[in-house]
Amino acid sequence: MTKKYTFVALALSALISGAAITTASAETPPNMLVIANRIDDIKTFDPAESFEFAGADVSRNVYEKLVNFDPLDLDAGYQPQLAESWEISEDGKTITFTMAEGHVFSTGNPVTAKDAEFSLRRAVMLNKTPSFILTQFGFTPENVAETIVAPDDNTLVLTLDKPYALSFVLNCLTATIGGIVDMTAAMENEVDGDMGNAWLRTNTVGSGPYKVVDWKPNESVLMDLNPNYGGDTPAMERVIVQHIQESATQRLQLERGDIDVARNLSPEDVAGLADVDGVKIVDELRGRLMYWSANQKNDMLSDPNVIAALKLAADYEGMSGSFLKGQYTVHQAFLPKTFLGAIDDKPFSFDIEAAKATLAQSAYPDCGPIKISVRDAQERIDIAQSLQNTWGQLGCDIELIVGTGAQTLDRYRAREHDIYLGAWGPDYPDPNTNAGTFAFNPDNSDEAGATGLLAWRNAWDLPKLSEKTLAAVVENDTDARRAMYKDIQTEFQNSAPFGIMFQQIEQNGMRSNVENFVAGGATTAVSYWVITK
């Protein structure tokens, strides 16, 4: 640990050396924000492709969208950003956006409707993992030339395949995939028709408050101000996010003043900071869920009684009351608390005898070998080890396959796992964000490649729930829609090869002078541009 800390400190020192303000004490400069976080899941910065937690944090601070959230008033919902206004046609299928003035990319090029047209079209045409967020409205590579159109630099017209609730569409446009890129810069770096995808994986050309100036995978991300940003100049002129895996190392650096924010503290380290001068803990209920899921290509794990037994053999309260204490609350439905239609039903509790009886009714009463694919993050390994212990009491031979965030996600998206243990966060603040991935899978074939859908990743064919999910997205009556999602979740709890266990309460440790640190609530990602210290 000491050796790793020395490396991190040296790397951080090298990054800080370019700052205008320096200090001899163990304090970060007043115009610089230094964060410790696990960022080994970052695969790309391209908003058409980025679909990981740490990548979303970067994207939110680099790319603006047609509509977005005010970090200091998340409850207000989506607000105008690159679009100053919008109108919907009488038939509910056409949305016309009028672009706002004064937004400029980090390249110096002004943001126009043509950039928005290009960005949304390329997201559909590239067909990367998050593309379903847009294609669910009927956009395809074949029709985007007619359905996503900028007739002039000030107007963007979206034509949907059917009349969805307007709030549903706009909420989707707040997702990372809604980030608007500089068309000119992207196409100047196009290779073999990729619309700049390879280049945008490691370079950013947005109109947000910051731009990425350095990224060392699994080590650090460095962001500086976008000199052309049209909003108020952020107090933090430089943001450094350092990959520090261990909670103990994050705590040590926070106590020393080497970092401003520690985002992955264990409950023990949170408790240990309670009486430390100059440090505070800020709790924030997030939308992130911790769950396990079973690949239905595995014959044993496709047996409903085996799945039911595994759900009964998980020690939910034991985990939340010990190594997850204060950071995860037991939650067993796919919609997080605060979302329309969320339920708080908890049909499963730890009952090893009931689990054994249920397993005995299956075709696999002796259970068998199960491999749990899990990211190398302490709380996830702790959960996996707890399941290894309690599932082992059923006779299951549990092996943990530990890898980086990218490695475990690649295996999961390729449907090569037995059990995947991981986290899922909403992409936009509408119930379909989770219903449309947990409970929707219109084509279960390998050829479909629907990697953005968790049901598909687990090879779960669910035609009836898919139909119910489709019906819910076009229901305009709010009360009726709420009831539909409650029904879908109840059916999901009873039949799904998913064990949803916890909802996150993020406990961020930070120096006492840090103000306005908003992790994003249940709806979005972190916002650095409002932070002061």
Protein backbone atom coordinates (compact mmCIF):
# COMPACT_ATOMS: atom_id res chain seq x y z
CA MET A 1 0.00 0.00 0.00
CA THR A 2 2.83 2.39 0.83
CA LYS A 3 4.44 1.80 -2.55
CA LYS A 4 1.18 2.45 -4.38
CA TYR A 5 0.53 5.60 -2.35
CA THR A 6 3.98 6.93 -3.26
CA PHE A 7 3.28 6.33 -6.96
CA VAL A 8 -0.08 8.06 -6.77
CA ALA A 9 1.35 11.02 -4.93
CA LEU A 10 4.13 11.41 -7.50
CA ALA A 11 1.72 11.13 -10.39
CA LEU A 12 -0.56 13.69 -8.80
CA SER A 13 2.36 16.01 -8.16
CA ALA A 14 3.34 15.82 -11.81
CA LEU A 15 -0.15 16.79 -12.90
CA ILE A 16 -0.43 19.64 -10.44
CA SER A 17 2.92 21.06 -11.50
CA GLY A 18 1.22 22.66 -14.52
CA ALA A 19 -1.15 24.68 -12.35
CA ALA A 20 -0.79 28.44 -11.97
CA ILE A 21 -1.02 28.24 -8.19
CA THR A 22 1.28 26.11 -6.07
CA THR A 23 1.52 25.44 -2.38
CA ALA A 24 4.12 23.99 -0.07
CA SER A 25 1.56 22.58 2.34
CA ALA A 26 -0.46 19.40 1.94
CA GLU A 27 -3.37 21.33 0.49
CA THR A 28 -4.56 21.37 -3.08
CA PRO A 29 -4.57 24.77 -4.85
CA PRO A 30 -7.79 26.79 -4.38
CA ASN A 31 -8.59 26.72 -8.11
CA MET A 32 -8.06 22.97 -8.48
CA LEU A 33 -10.27 20.01 -7.54
CA VAL A 34 -8.52 16.71 -6.88
CA ILE A 35 -10.70 13.61 -6.58
CA ALA A 36 -9.94 10.00 -5.71
CA ASN A 37 -12.27 7.59 -7.50
CA ARG A 38 -12.28 4.22 -9.19
CA ILE A 39 -12.11 4.98 -12.88
CA ASP A 40 -10.89 1.68 -14.31
CA ASP A 41 -14.21 1.23 -16.10
CA ILE A 42 -13.59 4.11 -18.52
CA LYS A 43 -13.42 2.71 -22.05
CA THR A 44 -14.18 5.80 -24.14
CA PHE A 45 -15.13 9.47 -23.94
CA ASP A 46 -17.26 9.37 -27.12
CA PRO A 47 -20.82 10.18 -25.97
CA ALA A 48 -22.16 7.86 -28.66
CA GLU A 49 -20.31 4.97 -27.02
CA SER A 50 -19.67 5.82 -23.36
CA PHE A 51 -21.83 3.73 -21.04
CA GLU A 52 -19.90 3.40 -17.79
CA PHE A 53 -20.16 5.24 -14.48
CA ALA A 54 -16.80 7.03 -14.46
CA GLY A 55 -17.14 7.85 -18.15
CA ALA A 56 -20.52 9.47 -17.51
CA ASP A 57 -18.92 11.71 -14.88
CA VAL A 58 -16.45 13.01 -17.46
CA SER A 59 -19.05 13.37 -20.20
CA ARG A 60 -21.44 15.42 -18.08
CA ASN A 61 -18.73 18.02 -17.52
CA VAL A 62 -17.48 18.10 -21.11
CA TYR A 63 -20.56 17.79 -23.33
CA GLU A 64 -23.72 19.87 -23.26
CA LYS A 65 -27.07 18.49 -24.44
CA LEU A 66 -30.29 19.83 -25.89
CA VAL A 67 -31.80 19.62 -22.40
CA ASN A 68 -30.05 18.91 -19.13
CA PHE A 69 -30.28 19.09 -15.33
CA ASP A 70 -29.38 21.99 -13.10
CA PRO A 71 -27.08 20.34 -10.50
CA LEU A 72 -28.29 22.72 -7.79
CA ASP A 73 -31.96 21.93 -8.48
CA LEU A 74 -32.17 18.33 -9.66
CA ASP A 75 -35.79 18.03 -8.53
CA ALA A 76 -36.81 20.58 -11.18
CA GLY A 77 -36.21 18.00 -13.91
CA TYR A 78 -34.81 18.68 -17.36
CA GLN A 79 -34.14 22.29 -18.31
CA PRO A 80 -33.17 24.04 -21.58
CA GLN A 81 -29.49 23.92 -22.42
CA LEU A 82 -28.39 23.89 -26.06
CA ALA A 83 -32.07 24.13 -27.02
CA GLU A 84 -33.78 27.21 -25.66
CA SER A 85 -37.28 25.92 -26.47
CA TRP A 86 -39.24 23.15 -28.19
CA GLU A 87 -42.66 22.47 -29.64
CA ILE A 88 -44.51 19.20 -30.23
CA SER A 89 -46.86 18.55 -33.12
CA GLU A 90 -50.56 17.81 -32.68
CA ASP A 91 -50.04 14.13 -33.47
CA GLY A 92 -47.28 13.95 -30.81
CA LYS A 93 -44.70 12.55 -33.23
CA THR A 94 -42.64 15.60 -34.18
CA ILE A 95 -40.56 17.71 -31.78
CA THR A 96 -39.04 20.94 -33.09
CA PHE A 97 -36.16 22.44 -31.11
CA THR A 98 -34.96 26.04 -31.36
CA MET A 99 -31.26 26.30 -30.52
CA ALA A 100 -29.96 28.73 -27.91
CA GLU A 101 -27.26 31.26 -28.75
CA GLY A 102 -23.87 31.69 -27.13
CA HIS A 103 -22.72 28.07 -26.90
CA VAL A 104 -19.24 27.40 -28.30
CA PHE A 105 -17.20 24.22 -28.54
CA SER A 106 -13.75 23.97 -26.99
CA THR A 107 -12.42 24.17 -30.57
CA GLY A 108 -13.87 27.68 -30.96
CA ASN A 109 -16.61 26.57 -33.37
CA PRO A 110 -20.14 27.74 -32.48
CA VAL A 111 -22.73 25.08 -31.62
CA THR A 112 -25.44 24.84 -34.28
CA ALA A 113 -28.43 22.62 -35.01
CA LYS A 114 -26.27 20.94 -37.65
CA ASP A 115 -23.95 19.72 -34.87
CA ALA A 116 -26.95 18.37 -32.97
CA GLU A 117 -28.22 16.66 -36.12
CA PHE A 118 -24.79 15.11 -36.72
CA SER A 119 -24.34 13.99 -33.09
CA LEU A 120 -27.70 12.25 -32.77
CA ARG A 121 -27.48 10.72 -36.24
CA ARG A 122 -23.99 9.34 -35.63
CA ALA A 123 -25.07 7.85 -32.29
CA VAL A 124 -27.74 5.87 -34.12
CA MET A 125 -25.51 4.98 -37.07
CA LEU A 126 -22.56 3.84 -34.96
CA ASN A 127 -24.93 1.52 -33.07
CA LYS A 128 -22.76 1.29 -29.95
CA THR A 129 -23.99 -0.06 -26.61
CA PRO A 130 -26.14 2.98 -25.54
CA SER A 131 -27.73 3.46 -28.97
CA PHE A 132 -30.97 1.84 -27.78
CA ILE A 133 -31.73 5.01 -25.83
CA LEU A 134 -32.36 6.72 -29.18
CA THR A 135 -33.39 3.81 -31.39
CA GLN A 136 -36.32 3.04 -29.08
CA PHE A 137 -38.01 6.04 -30.73
CA GLY A 138 -37.83 4.44 -34.15
CA PHE A 139 -34.57 6.01 -35.32
CA THR A 140 -32.49 3.68 -37.50
CA PRO A 141 -29.32 4.11 -39.58
CA GLU A 142 -31.54 3.88 -42.65
CA ASN A 143 -34.03 6.60 -41.69
CA VAL A 144 -32.03 9.20 -39.70
CA ALA A 145 -31.60 11.37 -42.79
CA GLU A 146 -35.37 11.92 -42.71
CA THR A 147 -36.13 11.63 -38.97
CA ILE A 148 -33.30 13.73 -37.44
CA VAL A 149 -33.10 16.89 -39.50
CA ALA A 150 -31.68 20.39 -39.07
CA PRO A 151 -33.30 22.51 -41.81
CA ASP A 152 -31.10 25.42 -40.71
CA ASP A 153 -28.45 26.24 -38.11
CA ASN A 154 -31.07 27.24 -35.55
CA THR A 155 -33.66 24.45 -35.84
CA LEU A 156 -33.62 20.71 -35.16
CA VAL A 157 -36.59 18.47 -35.94
CA LEU A 158 -37.01 14.97 -34.51
CA THR A 159 -39.71 12.74 -36.02
CA LEU A 160 -40.64 9.78 -33.81
CA ASP A 161 -42.24 6.52 -34.93
CA LYS A 162 -45.21 7.04 -32.58
CA PRO A 163 -46.45 9.59 -30.02
CA TYR A 164 -44.49 9.05 -26.83
CA ALA A 165 -44.89 11.12 -23.69
CA LEU A 166 -42.83 14.28 -24.28
CA SER A 167 -41.21 13.99 -20.86
CA PHE A 168 -40.01 10.50 -21.74
CA VAL A 169 -38.28 11.72 -24.91
CA LEU A 170 -36.67 14.73 -23.26
CA ASN A 171 -35.51 12.69 -20.29
CA CYS A 172 -33.74 10.34 -22.71
CA LEU A 173 -31.94 13.28 -24.30
CA THR A 174 -30.34 14.06 -20.93
CA ALA A 175 -28.45 10.75 -21.12
CA THR A 176 -24.75 10.67 -21.98
CA ILE A 177 -25.59 9.70 -25.56
CA GLY A 178 -27.34 13.08 -25.92
CA GLY A 179 -24.00 14.92 -25.71
CA ILE A 180 -23.46 17.18 -28.73
CA VAL A 181 -20.03 16.98 -30.38
CA ASP A 182 -18.32 19.38 -32.78
CA MET A 183 -19.17 17.97 -36.22
CA THR A 184 -16.25 19.69 -37.93
CA ALA A 185 -13.63 18.38 -35.50
CA ALA A 186 -15.09 14.87 -35.49
CA MET A 187 -15.15 14.59 -39.26
CA GLU A 188 -11.66 16.04 -39.59
CA ASN A 189 -10.54 13.01 -37.60
CA GLU A 190 -12.71 10.40 -39.32
CA VAL A 191 -11.00 7.11 -40.20
CA ASP A 192 -12.59 4.55 -42.50
CA GLY A 193 -16.06 6.01 -42.09
CA ASP A 194 -16.09 5.89 -38.26
CA MET A 195 -17.37 9.48 -37.97
CA GLY A 196 -14.49 10.27 -35.63
CA ASN A 197 -15.26 7.45 -33.19
CA ALA A 198 -11.69 6.23 -32.71
CA TRP A 199 -10.44 9.78 -32.16
CA LEU A 200 -13.28 10.74 -29.82
CA ARG A 201 -12.55 7.80 -27.59
CA THR A 202 -9.54 9.68 -26.24
CA ASN A 203 -10.29 13.30 -27.23
CA THR A 204 -13.20 15.56 -26.33
CA VAL A 205 -14.77 18.38 -28.37
CA GLY A 206 -17.77 19.56 -26.37
CA SER A 207 -19.21 22.89 -25.33
CA GLY A 208 -19.36 22.06 -21.61
CA PRO A 209 -17.38 23.73 -18.83
CA TYR A 210 -14.35 21.46 -19.21
CA LYS A 211 -12.26 19.60 -21.77
CA VAL A 212 -10.11 16.52 -21.24
CA VAL A 213 -6.43 17.33 -21.69
CA ASP A 214 -4.93 14.07 -20.43
CA TRP A 215 -6.15 10.54 -19.80
CA LYS A 216 -4.02 7.68 -18.56
CA PRO A 217 -6.26 4.57 -18.47
CA ASN A 218 -6.56 3.09 -14.98
CA GLU A 219 -4.56 6.02 -13.59
CA SER A 220 -6.01 9.50 -14.04
CA VAL A 221 -8.14 11.95 -16.00
CA LEU A 222 -7.16 15.61 -16.18
CA MET A 223 -9.69 18.26 -17.22
CA ASP A 224 -9.10 21.97 -17.74
CA LEU A 225 -11.56 24.76 -18.40
CA ASN A 226 -13.11 25.05 -21.84
CA PRO A 227 -11.96 28.61 -22.66
CA ASN A 228 -15.05 29.09 -24.84
CA TYR A 229 -17.63 27.93 -22.30
CA GLY A 230 -20.72 30.13 -22.52
CA GLY A 231 -21.75 29.88 -18.87
CA ASP A 232 -20.29 31.35 -15.70
CA THR A 233 -16.60 30.53 -15.31
CA PRO A 234 -16.24 27.65 -12.83
CA ALA A 235 -14.19 28.25 -9.70
CA MET A 236 -12.33 24.99 -10.29
CA GLU A 237 -10.07 25.72 -13.26
CA ARG A 238 -8.59 22.23 -13.23
CA VAL A 239 -10.12 18.90 -12.21
CA ILE A 240 -7.97 15.84 -11.59
CA VAL A 241 -9.60 12.47 -11.03
CA GLN A 242 -7.07 9.94 -9.78
CA HIS A 243 -7.72 6.20 -9.87
CA ILE A 244 -7.18 5.01 -6.32
CA GLN A 245 -8.61 1.57 -5.69
CA GLU A 246 -8.24 1.14 -1.94
CA SER A 247 -10.48 2.94 0.54
CA ALA A 248 -7.66 3.13 3.09
CA THR A 249 -5.44 4.98 0.61
CA GLN A 250 -8.23 7.41 -0.26
CA ARG A 251 -8.82 8.07 3.42
CA LEU A 252 -5.12 8.68 4.09
CA GLN A 253 -4.83 11.16 1.25
CA LEU A 254 -8.00 12.96 2.35
CA GLU A 255 -6.72 13.28 5.91
CA ARG A 256 -3.39 14.65 4.64
CA GLY A 257 -5.12 17.16 2.36
CA ASP A 258 -3.59 15.65 -0.79
CA ILE A 259 -7.06 15.25 -2.30
CA ASP A 260 -10.30 17.21 -1.96
CA VAL A 261 -12.82 14.39 -2.37
CA ALA A 262 -12.73 10.63 -1.72
CA ARG A 263 -15.56 8.78 -3.48
CA ASN A 264 -14.99 5.13 -2.55
CA LEU A 265 -14.66 5.04 1.21
CA SER A 266 -15.65 1.90 3.10
CA PRO A 267 -18.05 2.21 6.04
CA GLU A 268 -15.11 1.62 8.37
CA ASP A 269 -13.13 4.47 6.84
CA VAL A 270 -16.19 6.74 6.87
CA ALA A 271 -16.56 6.06 10.58
CA GLY A 272 -12.85 6.68 11.08
CA LEU A 273 -13.16 10.15 9.55
CA ALA A 274 -16.03 11.24 11.80
CA ASP A 275 -13.84 13.22 14.19
CA VAL A 276 -11.08 14.30 11.82
CA ASP A 277 -10.63 18.07 11.65
CA GLY A 278 -11.05 19.58 8.23
CA VAL A 279 -13.04 16.64 6.82
CA LYS A 280 -16.77 16.07 6.33
CA ILE A 281 -18.96 13.25 5.01
CA VAL A 282 -21.82 14.05 2.63
CA ASP A 283 -24.53 11.41 2.05
CA GLU A 284 -26.52 11.32 -1.18
CA LEU A 285 -29.14 8.76 -2.26
CA ARG A 286 -28.17 7.60 -5.73
CA GLY A 287 -30.02 5.67 -8.39
CA ARG A 288 -27.38 2.96 -8.55
CA LEU A 289 -28.54 -0.57 -7.80
CA MET A 290 -26.37 -3.54 -6.81
CA TYR A 291 -27.59 -6.81 -8.27
CA TRP A 292 -26.63 -10.23 -9.54
CA SER A 293 -27.95 -11.85 -12.69
CA ALA A 294 -27.85 -15.35 -14.13
CA ASN A 295 -27.05 -16.27 -17.72
CA GLN A 296 -30.00 -18.24 -19.08
CA LYS A 297 -27.70 -20.08 -21.45
CA ASN A 298 -26.61 -22.01 -18.37
CA ASP A 299 -29.09 -24.89 -17.97
CA MET A 300 -28.93 -24.97 -14.19
CA LEU A 301 -29.34 -21.21 -13.84
CA SER A 302 -32.36 -21.26 -16.16
CA ASP A 303 -34.25 -23.42 -13.64
CA PRO A 304 -36.71 -21.08 -11.82
CA ASN A 305 -36.36 -23.00 -8.58
CA VAL A 306 -32.58 -22.62 -8.62
CA ILE A 307 -32.95 -18.87 -9.09
CA ALA A 308 -35.56 -18.67 -6.31
CA ALA A 309 -33.26 -20.61 -3.99
CA LEU A 310 -30.35 -18.26 -4.69
CA LYS A 311 -32.56 -15.25 -3.91
CA LEU A 312 -33.54 -16.80 -0.57
CA ALA A 313 -29.92 -17.64 0.24
CA ALA A 314 -28.62 -14.07 0.10
CA ASP A 315 -28.05 -12.34 3.45
CA TYR A 316 -29.43 -8.91 2.54
CA GLU A 317 -29.75 -7.47 6.04
CA GLY A 318 -26.48 -9.01 7.15
CA MET A 319 -24.58 -7.33 4.34
CA SER A 320 -26.31 -3.95 4.64
CA GLY A 321 -25.77 -3.97 8.39
CA SER A 322 -22.08 -4.77 8.28
CA PHE A 323 -19.63 -4.09 5.44
CA LEU A 324 -22.20 -2.03 3.48
CA LYS A 325 -23.49 -0.12 6.49
CA GLY A 326 -24.57 3.41 5.66
CA GLN A 327 -23.76 3.00 1.97
CA TYR A 328 -26.41 0.62 0.64
CA THR A 329 -30.00 0.11 1.72
CA VAL A 330 -31.85 -3.12 0.96
CA HIS A 331 -33.89 -2.65 -2.21
CA GLN A 332 -35.28 -5.46 -4.35
CA ALA A 333 -37.00 -3.76 -7.31
CA PHE A 334 -35.45 -2.46 -10.52
CA LEU A 335 -36.73 1.11 -10.13
CA PRO A 336 -34.76 3.10 -7.56
CA LYS A 337 -36.55 5.02 -4.85
CA THR A 338 -37.69 8.50 -6.06
CA PHE A 339 -38.60 7.20 -9.55
CA LEU A 340 -42.19 7.18 -10.84
CA GLY A 341 -43.66 3.76 -10.03
CA ALA A 342 -40.93 2.71 -7.60
CA ILE A 343 -41.98 0.04 -5.10
CA ASP A 344 -40.42 -0.83 -1.76
CA ASP A 345 -41.56 -4.48 -1.65
CA LYS A 346 -38.91 -6.85 -0.28
CA PRO A 347 -40.19 -10.38 -0.99
CA PHE A 348 -36.86 -12.07 -0.23
CA SER A 349 -35.05 -12.42 3.06
CA PHE A 350 -32.26 -14.73 4.15
CA ASP A 351 -33.82 -18.13 4.88
CA ILE A 352 -31.39 -20.96 4.24
CA GLU A 353 -33.89 -23.70 5.09
CA ALA A 354 -36.47 -22.31 2.68
CA ALA A 355 -33.73 -21.96 0.09
CA LYS A 356 -32.72 -25.61 0.51
CA ALA A 357 -36.35 -26.72 0.20
CA THR A 358 -36.79 -24.67 -2.96
CA LEU A 359 -33.58 -26.02 -4.47
CA ALA A 360 -34.73 -29.57 -3.70
CA GLN A 361 -37.73 -28.96 -5.99
CA SER A 362 -35.43 -28.09 -8.90
CA ALA A 363 -33.73 -30.34 -11.41
CA TYR A 364 -30.45 -29.57 -9.64
CA PRO A 365 -30.99 -30.40 -5.94
CA ASP A 366 -27.25 -30.66 -5.34
CA CYS A 367 -26.63 -27.32 -7.02
CA GLY A 368 -23.30 -27.34 -8.85
CA PRO A 369 -20.41 -25.14 -9.94
CA ILE A 370 -21.16 -21.43 -10.40
CA LYS A 371 -18.70 -18.76 -11.44
CA ILE A 372 -19.42 -15.22 -10.24
CA SER A 373 -17.92 -12.54 -12.46
CA VAL A 374 -17.13 -9.50 -10.30
CA ARG A 375 -15.19 -6.27 -10.64
CA ASP A 376 -12.15 -5.73 -8.48
CA ALA A 377 -13.84 -3.27 -6.13
CA GLN A 378 -13.92 -3.91 -2.40
CA GLU A 379 -17.66 -3.71 -1.72
CA ARG A 380 -18.45 -5.90 -4.73
CA ILE A 381 -15.90 -8.51 -3.71
CA ASP A 382 -17.32 -8.41 -0.18
CA ILE A 383 -20.82 -9.04 -1.57
CA ALA A 384 -19.51 -11.83 -3.80
CA GLN A 385 -17.76 -13.48 -0.86
CA SER A 386 -20.95 -13.28 1.20
CA LEU A 387 -22.87 -14.98 -1.61
CA GLN A 388 -20.07 -17.52 -1.94
CA ASN A 389 -20.54 -18.34 1.73
CA THR A 390 -24.35 -18.51 1.86
CA TRP A 391 -24.79 -20.14 -1.55
CA GLY A 392 -22.12 -22.60 -0.51
CA GLN A 393 -24.48 -23.66 2.27
CA LEU A 394 -26.80 -24.90 -0.48
CA GLY A 395 -24.04 -27.11 -1.82
CA CYS A 396 -23.06 -24.78 -4.67
CA ASP A 397 -19.39 -24.70 -5.61
CA ILE A 398 -18.80 -20.96 -6.05
CA GLU A 399 -15.76 -19.54 -7.82
CA LEU A 400 -15.10 -15.80 -8.02
CA ILE A 401 -13.77 -14.50 -11.34
CA VAL A 402 -12.31 -11.09 -10.47
CA GLY A 403 -11.30 -8.55 -13.13
CA THR A 404 -11.20 -4.87 -13.91
CA GLY A 405 -14.42 -3.02 -14.65
CA ALA A 406 -13.73 -3.21 -18.38
CA GLN A 407 -12.89 -6.92 -18.28
CA THR A 408 -16.01 -7.94 -16.39
CA LEU A 409 -18.23 -5.75 -18.56
CA ASP A 410 -16.78 -7.21 -21.74
CA ARG A 411 -17.49 -10.73 -20.51
CA TYR A 412 -21.02 -9.74 -19.44
CA ARG A 413 -21.86 -8.06 -22.73
CA ALA A 414 -20.61 -11.11 -24.60
CA ARG A 415 -22.96 -13.37 -22.55
CA GLU A 416 -19.99 -15.41 -21.35
CA HIS A 417 -20.72 -15.32 -17.59
CA ASP A 418 -22.55 -17.64 -15.20
CA ILE A 419 -23.46 -15.06 -12.58
CA TYR A 420 -22.61 -11.39 -13.02
CA LEU A 421 -22.40 -9.28 -9.87
CA GLY A 422 -22.45 -5.57 -10.54
CA ALA A 423 -24.16 -2.23 -10.41
CA TRP A 424 -26.64 -0.48 -12.67
CA GLY A 425 -27.55 3.19 -12.70
CA PRO A 426 -30.33 5.03 -14.56
CA ASP A 427 -29.43 6.66 -17.85
CA TYR A 428 -32.24 9.21 -17.62
CA PRO A 429 -34.85 10.06 -14.95
CA ASP A 430 -37.79 8.14 -16.39
CA PRO A 431 -38.95 4.68 -15.24
CA ASN A 432 -38.35 3.25 -18.69
CA THR A 433 -34.61 3.76 -18.18
CA ASN A 434 -34.56 0.59 -16.05
CA ALA A 435 -37.75 -1.13 -17.22
CA GLY A 436 -36.45 -0.87 -20.78
CA THR A 437 -33.28 -2.78 -19.93
CA PHE A 438 -34.19 -5.12 -17.05
CA ALA A 439 -37.63 -6.09 -18.41
CA PHE A 440 -37.35 -5.70 -22.18
CA ASN A 441 -35.69 -7.93 -24.77
CA PRO A 442 -37.48 -8.03 -28.14
CA ASP A 443 -34.85 -10.24 -29.83
CA ASN A 444 -32.96 -12.74 -27.70
CA SER A 445 -30.74 -14.02 -30.51
CA ASP A 446 -26.97 -13.69 -30.30
CA GLU A 447 -27.12 -11.84 -33.60
CA ALA A 448 -29.24 -9.08 -32.07
CA GLY A 449 -26.23 -7.87 -30.10
CA ALA A 450 -28.45 -5.78 -27.80
CA THR A 451 -25.67 -5.21 -25.27
CA GLY A 452 -27.45 -2.23 -23.74
CA LEU A 453 -30.26 -4.47 -22.49
CA LEU A 454 -29.56 -6.40 -19.31
CA ALA A 455 -32.25 -8.95 -20.17
CA TRP A 456 -30.40 -9.65 -23.45
CA ARG A 457 -27.01 -9.86 -21.71
CA ASN A 458 -28.49 -12.66 -19.59
CA ALA A 459 -30.19 -14.35 -22.59
CA TRP A 460 -33.57 -13.94 -20.91
CA ASP A 461 -36.50 -14.17 -23.31
CA LEU A 462 -39.50 -12.37 -21.79
CA PRO A 463 -42.15 -11.58 -24.43
CA LYS A 464 -45.00 -10.73 -22.04
CA LEU A 465 -42.96 -8.34 -19.89
CA SER A 466 -41.50 -6.78 -23.04
CA GLU A 467 -45.03 -6.07 -24.27
CA LYS A 468 -45.99 -4.51 -20.93
CA THR A 469 -42.85 -2.35 -20.99
CA LEU A 470 -43.66 -1.10 -24.49
CA ALA A 471 -47.21 -0.25 -23.41
CA ALA A 472 -45.98 1.77 -20.43
CA VAL A 473 -43.82 4.16 -22.49
CA VAL A 474 -46.77 5.45 -24.52
CA GLU A 475 -49.14 5.88 -21.58
CA ASN A 476 -49.72 9.59 -21.02
CA ASP A 477 -51.80 9.31 -17.86
CA THR A 478 -49.28 9.57 -15.02
CA ASP A 479 -51.28 7.58 -12.47
CA ALA A 480 -51.95 4.80 -14.96
CA ARG A 481 -48.30 4.71 -15.97
CA ARG A 482 -47.22 4.52 -12.32
CA ALA A 483 -49.50 1.52 -11.78
CA MET A 484 -48.14 -0.19 -14.88
CA TYR A 485 -44.57 0.02 -13.65
CA LYS A 486 -45.54 -1.30 -10.23
CA ASP A 487 -47.15 -4.31 -11.91
CA ILE A 488 -44.11 -4.92 -14.13
CA GLN A 489 -41.77 -4.84 -11.13
CA THR A 490 -43.88 -7.27 -9.12
CA GLU A 491 -43.92 -9.76 -11.99
CA PHE A 492 -40.19 -9.22 -12.48
CA GLN A 493 -39.45 -9.97 -8.83
CA ASN A 494 -41.30 -13.28 -9.11
CA SER A 495 -39.81 -14.51 -12.39
CA ALA A 496 -36.58 -12.75 -13.32
CA PRO A 497 -33.11 -14.37 -13.24
CA PHE A 498 -32.00 -11.23 -11.41
CA GLY A 499 -31.36 -10.75 -7.72
CA ILE A 500 -31.64 -7.03 -7.02
CA MET A 501 -30.27 -6.40 -3.56
CA PHE A 502 -29.37 -2.81 -2.72
CA GLN A 503 -29.73 0.87 -3.64
CA GLN A 504 -26.70 3.06 -3.08
CA ILE A 505 -26.31 5.80 -0.54
CA GLU A 506 -23.10 7.46 -1.70
CA GLN A 507 -20.95 8.64 1.19
CA ASN A 508 -18.38 11.06 -0.14
CA GLY A 509 -15.59 12.21 2.11
CA MET A 510 -14.30 15.68 1.39
CA ARG A 511 -12.36 18.55 2.84
CA SER A 512 -14.54 20.89 4.85
CA ASN A 513 -14.01 23.79 2.43
CA VAL A 514 -15.55 21.91 -0.53
CA GLU A 515 -19.04 23.20 -1.28
CA ASN A 516 -21.73 22.25 -3.83
CA PHE A 517 -20.38 18.77 -4.51
CA VAL A 518 -23.38 17.11 -6.18
CA ALA A 519 -22.82 13.48 -7.12
CA GLY A 520 -25.95 13.51 -9.29
CA GLY A 521 -28.69 12.13 -7.08
CA ALA A 522 -30.71 9.33 -8.64
CA THR A 523 -30.86 11.03 -12.03
CA THR A 524 -27.49 12.08 -13.43
CA ALA A 525 -23.71 12.22 -12.92
CA VAL A 526 -21.40 14.50 -10.94
CA SER A 527 -21.16 18.23 -11.72
CA TYR A 528 -17.76 19.81 -11.16
CA TRP A 529 -18.51 23.26 -12.50
CA VAL A 530 -20.62 24.39 -9.50
CA ILE A 531 -18.07 23.33 -6.89
CA THR A 532 -16.24 25.91 -4.83
CA LYS A 533 -13.76 25.70 -2.01
